[in-house]
Amino acid sequence: MAHVFRDTVIGLISGYAGVQAMDRVATAAYEFSSEADKEQEKRVSPGLAYEVAARDLATRAGITLSDGEASAVAQAFHIGLGLQEGLFYVALRRSTDVGAISAGQSSGLAVFLVIDEILTPAMGWSAPFSAYPRSTHVRGLIAHLVLGLTTAITAEILIRLFRSSWKE
């Protein structure tokens, strides 16, 4: 059980690195979208999904957020999901024989499918899946695969820096 603290630290750092890389890739990839696709996204989207989620959850709790507060909560929500992906990656590596790249891609893909493609539209935090152009989904998929890969690389470097392994 001595590895629990170390694994938690590795998961959180790795997930944070992953979400930072994912955001950069998603932003860069957006520039490759056609103007028509960008316009369709703007037309159907209720707003930045994490901010819509933050406002919705606060309202359900009886809290009214200012614009600044909603933005801060949205950013925390977004980064928090990345941190959870890092913890999921570490748990996957610790409990299975799945390799680093496969575990990273699996954890990134899981976040993409469960959060972005299923939960977010189901909660009304984004438009329905079919309302967005294909490029939106492709961009999200690529960004989340980068999330998983960056998480994997970071975690594998950290576990080696601790002069340890996943199977001790």
Protein backbone atom coordinates (compact mmCIF):
# COMPACT_ATOMS: atom_id res chain seq x y z
CA MET A 1 0.00 0.00 0.00
CA ALA A 2 3.01 2.33 0.19
CA HIS A 3 2.58 2.95 -3.52
CA VAL A 4 -0.86 4.58 -3.10
CA PHE A 5 0.49 8.05 -2.28
CA ARG A 6 3.14 7.85 -4.98
CA ASP A 7 0.61 6.61 -7.56
CA THR A 8 -1.78 9.42 -6.65
CA VAL A 9 0.92 12.04 -7.11
CA ILE A 10 2.00 10.46 -10.42
CA GLY A 11 -1.61 10.30 -11.63
CA LEU A 12 -2.35 13.91 -10.76
CA ILE A 13 0.84 15.29 -12.30
CA SER A 14 0.43 13.13 -15.40
CA GLY A 15 -3.23 14.05 -15.84
CA TYR A 16 -2.38 17.73 -15.51
CA ALA A 17 0.35 17.43 -18.15
CA GLY A 18 -2.11 15.55 -20.36
CA VAL A 19 -4.85 18.18 -20.13
CA GLN A 20 -2.36 20.95 -20.91
CA ALA A 21 -1.19 19.13 -24.05
CA MET A 22 -4.77 18.30 -25.03
CA ASP A 23 -5.83 21.95 -24.82
CA ARG A 24 -2.96 23.07 -27.03
CA VAL A 25 -3.72 20.42 -29.65
CA ALA A 26 -7.45 21.17 -29.63
CA THR A 27 -6.80 24.88 -30.06
CA ALA A 28 -4.36 24.30 -32.90
CA ALA A 29 -6.66 21.76 -34.58
CA TYR A 30 -9.57 24.22 -34.46
CA GLU A 31 -7.65 26.41 -36.90
CA PHE A 32 -7.82 23.60 -39.49
CA SER A 33 -11.62 23.49 -39.35
CA SER A 34 -13.45 25.03 -42.26
CA GLU A 35 -15.23 28.33 -41.75
CA ALA A 36 -18.54 26.55 -42.40
CA ASP A 37 -17.80 24.03 -39.62
CA LYS A 38 -16.77 26.81 -37.22
CA GLU A 39 -20.02 28.66 -37.98
CA GLN A 40 -22.08 25.50 -37.44
CA GLU A 41 -20.37 24.92 -34.07
CA LYS A 42 -21.12 28.49 -32.98
CA ARG A 43 -24.72 28.23 -34.18
CA VAL A 44 -25.58 25.00 -32.31
CA SER A 45 -23.43 25.29 -29.18
CA PRO A 46 -25.05 26.63 -25.99
CA GLY A 47 -21.60 27.94 -24.97
CA LEU A 48 -18.35 26.54 -23.65
CA ALA A 49 -19.42 23.14 -22.33
CA TYR A 50 -17.50 23.36 -19.05
CA GLU A 51 -18.95 26.79 -18.32
CA VAL A 52 -22.47 25.63 -19.18
CA ALA A 53 -21.89 22.66 -16.85
CA ALA A 54 -20.54 24.89 -14.06
CA ARG A 55 -23.55 27.22 -14.24
CA ASP A 56 -26.01 24.31 -14.42
CA LEU A 57 -24.53 22.47 -11.45
CA ALA A 58 -24.32 25.69 -9.41
CA THR A 59 -27.95 26.49 -10.20
CA ARG A 60 -28.99 22.98 -9.12
CA ALA A 61 -27.19 23.65 -5.83
CA GLY A 62 -28.97 27.00 -5.44
CA ILE A 63 -25.86 29.05 -6.19
CA THR A 64 -25.65 31.93 -8.65
CA LEU A 65 -22.21 32.38 -10.21
CA SER A 66 -20.84 35.63 -11.57
CA ASP A 67 -19.17 35.44 -14.98
CA GLY A 68 -15.74 35.33 -13.32
CA GLU A 69 -16.81 32.63 -10.89
CA ALA A 70 -18.38 30.55 -13.67
CA SER A 71 -15.17 30.81 -15.68
CA ALA A 72 -13.04 29.75 -12.70
CA VAL A 73 -15.32 26.83 -11.83
CA ALA A 74 -15.40 25.78 -15.48
CA GLN A 75 -11.60 25.74 -15.65
CA ALA A 76 -11.41 23.76 -12.40
CA PHE A 77 -13.99 21.31 -13.75
CA HIS A 78 -12.02 20.87 -16.98
CA ILE A 79 -8.67 20.38 -15.24
CA GLY A 80 -10.30 18.13 -12.63
CA LEU A 81 -11.46 15.75 -15.35
CA GLY A 82 -7.90 15.65 -16.69
CA LEU A 83 -6.60 14.84 -13.21
CA GLN A 84 -9.11 12.01 -12.96
CA GLU A 85 -7.92 10.66 -16.31
CA GLY A 86 -4.39 10.57 -14.87
CA LEU A 87 -5.59 8.62 -11.84
CA PHE A 88 -7.49 6.23 -14.12
CA TYR A 89 -4.33 5.69 -16.17
CA VAL A 90 -2.29 4.87 -13.06
CA ALA A 91 -4.97 2.48 -11.78
CA LEU A 92 -5.09 0.77 -15.17
CA ARG A 93 -1.30 0.34 -15.26
CA ARG A 94 -1.17 -0.81 -11.64
CA SER A 95 -3.96 -3.39 -11.92
CA THR A 96 -3.51 -4.84 -15.42
CA ASP A 97 -0.84 -5.94 -17.85
CA VAL A 98 -1.93 -3.32 -20.39
CA GLY A 99 1.08 -1.48 -21.82
CA ALA A 100 1.72 2.22 -21.45
CA ILE A 101 0.58 3.36 -24.89
CA SER A 102 -2.54 1.17 -24.84
CA ALA A 103 -3.44 2.32 -21.33
CA GLY A 104 -2.93 5.97 -22.28
CA GLN A 105 -4.99 5.72 -25.43
CA SER A 106 -7.69 3.78 -23.56
CA SER A 107 -7.94 6.36 -20.79
CA GLY A 108 -8.01 9.28 -23.24
CA LEU A 109 -10.60 7.55 -25.41
CA ALA A 110 -12.74 6.74 -22.36
CA VAL A 111 -12.84 10.41 -21.33
CA PHE A 112 -13.70 11.45 -24.88
CA LEU A 113 -16.53 8.96 -25.27
CA VAL A 114 -18.03 9.10 -21.80
CA ILE A 115 -17.67 12.81 -21.02
CA ASP A 116 -17.59 14.62 -24.37
CA GLU A 117 -19.74 12.42 -26.55
CA ILE A 118 -22.28 11.00 -24.07
CA LEU A 119 -22.56 12.85 -20.74
CA THR A 120 -22.10 16.43 -21.94
CA PRO A 121 -24.87 16.33 -24.59
CA ALA A 122 -27.11 14.20 -22.35
CA MET A 123 -26.90 16.83 -19.59
CA GLY A 124 -27.63 19.64 -22.06
CA TRP A 125 -24.15 21.15 -21.62
CA SER A 126 -23.63 20.93 -25.38
CA ALA A 127 -25.81 20.45 -28.41
CA PRO A 128 -26.72 16.88 -29.38
CA PHE A 129 -23.96 14.80 -30.96
CA SER A 130 -25.51 14.99 -34.43
CA ALA A 131 -25.71 18.81 -34.41
CA TYR A 132 -21.95 19.23 -34.65
CA PRO A 133 -19.90 18.77 -37.83
CA ARG A 134 -17.68 15.70 -38.10
CA SER A 135 -14.60 17.88 -37.72
CA THR A 136 -15.66 18.74 -34.17
CA HIS A 137 -15.72 15.08 -33.17
CA VAL A 138 -12.46 14.31 -34.98
CA ARG A 139 -10.75 17.26 -33.28
CA GLY A 140 -12.05 16.08 -29.90
CA LEU A 141 -10.90 12.52 -30.54
CA ILE A 142 -7.41 13.61 -31.58
CA ALA A 143 -7.12 15.94 -28.59
CA HIS A 144 -8.16 13.19 -26.17
CA LEU A 145 -5.75 10.70 -27.68
CA VAL A 146 -3.04 13.31 -27.05
CA LEU A 147 -4.35 13.60 -23.48
CA GLY A 148 -3.89 9.87 -23.00
CA LEU A 149 -0.51 9.70 -24.70
CA THR A 150 0.89 12.66 -22.75
CA THR A 151 -0.46 11.20 -19.52
CA ALA A 152 1.19 7.87 -20.32
CA ILE A 153 4.56 9.37 -21.19
CA THR A 154 4.57 11.58 -18.10
CA ALA A 155 3.53 8.77 -15.77
CA GLU A 156 6.10 6.36 -17.18
CA ILE A 157 8.88 8.92 -16.76
CA LEU A 158 7.79 9.64 -13.18
CA ILE A 159 7.56 5.97 -12.17
CA ARG A 160 11.12 5.51 -13.41
CA LEU A 161 12.31 8.63 -11.57
CA PHE A 162 10.95 7.03 -8.42
CA ARG A 163 13.08 4.00 -9.39
CA SER A 164 10.03 1.85 -9.22
CA SER A 165 7.65 -0.18 -11.35
CA TRP A 166 3.91 -0.70 -11.59
CA LYS A 167 4.16 -4.30 -10.37
CA GLU A 168 5.94 -3.99 -7.05
